[in-house]
Amino acid sequence: MKDAEALKEAKEYIFKHLVDGTLKPKIGKVFALDQIVEAHRFMDSNDHIGKIVVKIE
């Protein structure tokens, strides 16, 4: 976004609704960090709905 004020407002909106629970991202699949190659393959397949999460522990 080239409009700094619009970007700021969008971030505030997203963070506010994530914190209060009204915005709930759909998680498609969770991978461990050592499965990063599989995570990339899964992402490249376009055979998913939702976010792909890589856990770092």
Protein backbone atom coordinates (compact mmCIF):
# COMPACT_ATOMS: atom_id res chain seq x y z
CA MET A 1 0.00 0.00 0.00
CA LYS A 2 1.32 3.39 -0.93
CA ASP A 3 -1.01 5.26 1.40
CA ALA A 4 0.72 5.19 4.81
CA GLU A 5 -2.41 6.31 6.69
CA ALA A 6 -4.57 3.61 5.07
CA LEU A 7 -1.93 0.98 5.91
CA LYS A 8 -1.83 2.16 9.53
CA GLU A 9 -5.64 1.97 9.79
CA ALA A 10 -5.69 -1.50 8.22
CA LYS A 11 -3.07 -2.80 10.66
CA GLU A 12 -4.94 -1.35 13.64
CA TYR A 13 -8.20 -2.92 12.44
CA ILE A 14 -6.61 -6.35 11.93
CA PHE A 15 -4.71 -6.38 15.23
CA LYS A 16 -7.73 -5.16 17.20
CA HIS A 17 -9.97 -7.89 15.81
CA LEU A 18 -7.34 -10.61 16.22
CA VAL A 19 -6.94 -9.66 19.88
CA ASP A 20 -10.67 -9.52 20.64
CA GLY A 21 -11.33 -12.78 18.77
CA THR A 22 -13.71 -11.46 16.11
CA LEU A 23 -11.18 -12.17 13.35
CA LYS A 24 -10.13 -15.81 13.30
CA PRO A 25 -7.74 -16.87 10.55
CA LYS A 26 -8.36 -20.36 9.22
CA ILE A 27 -5.32 -22.58 9.74
CA GLY A 28 -4.89 -25.03 6.87
CA LYS A 29 -1.95 -27.02 8.17
CA VAL A 30 0.82 -26.70 10.76
CA PHE A 31 4.39 -27.82 10.11
CA ALA A 32 7.39 -28.07 12.42
CA LEU A 33 10.42 -26.03 11.41
CA ASP A 34 12.27 -29.19 10.36
CA GLN A 35 9.43 -29.81 7.86
CA ILE A 36 9.99 -26.53 6.02
CA VAL A 37 10.59 -28.29 2.68
CA GLU A 38 7.27 -30.12 3.00
CA ALA A 39 5.58 -26.84 3.97
CA HIS A 40 6.87 -25.19 0.79
CA ARG A 41 5.73 -28.13 -1.32
CA PHE A 42 2.30 -27.98 0.29
CA MET A 43 2.10 -24.24 -0.37
CA ASP A 44 3.23 -24.67 -3.98
CA SER A 45 0.59 -27.35 -4.60
CA ASN A 46 -2.22 -24.79 -4.15
CA ASP A 47 -4.18 -27.68 -2.69
CA HIS A 48 -5.05 -26.01 0.60
CA ILE A 49 -7.54 -23.71 2.21
CA GLY A 50 -6.33 -21.53 5.05
CA LYS A 51 -2.99 -20.40 6.33
CA ILE A 52 0.11 -22.55 6.44
CA VAL A 53 1.87 -22.22 9.78
CA VAL A 54 5.45 -23.16 10.58
CA LYS A 55 6.03 -23.65 14.30
CA ILE A 56 9.36 -22.58 15.72
CA GLU A 57 10.03 -24.22 19.05
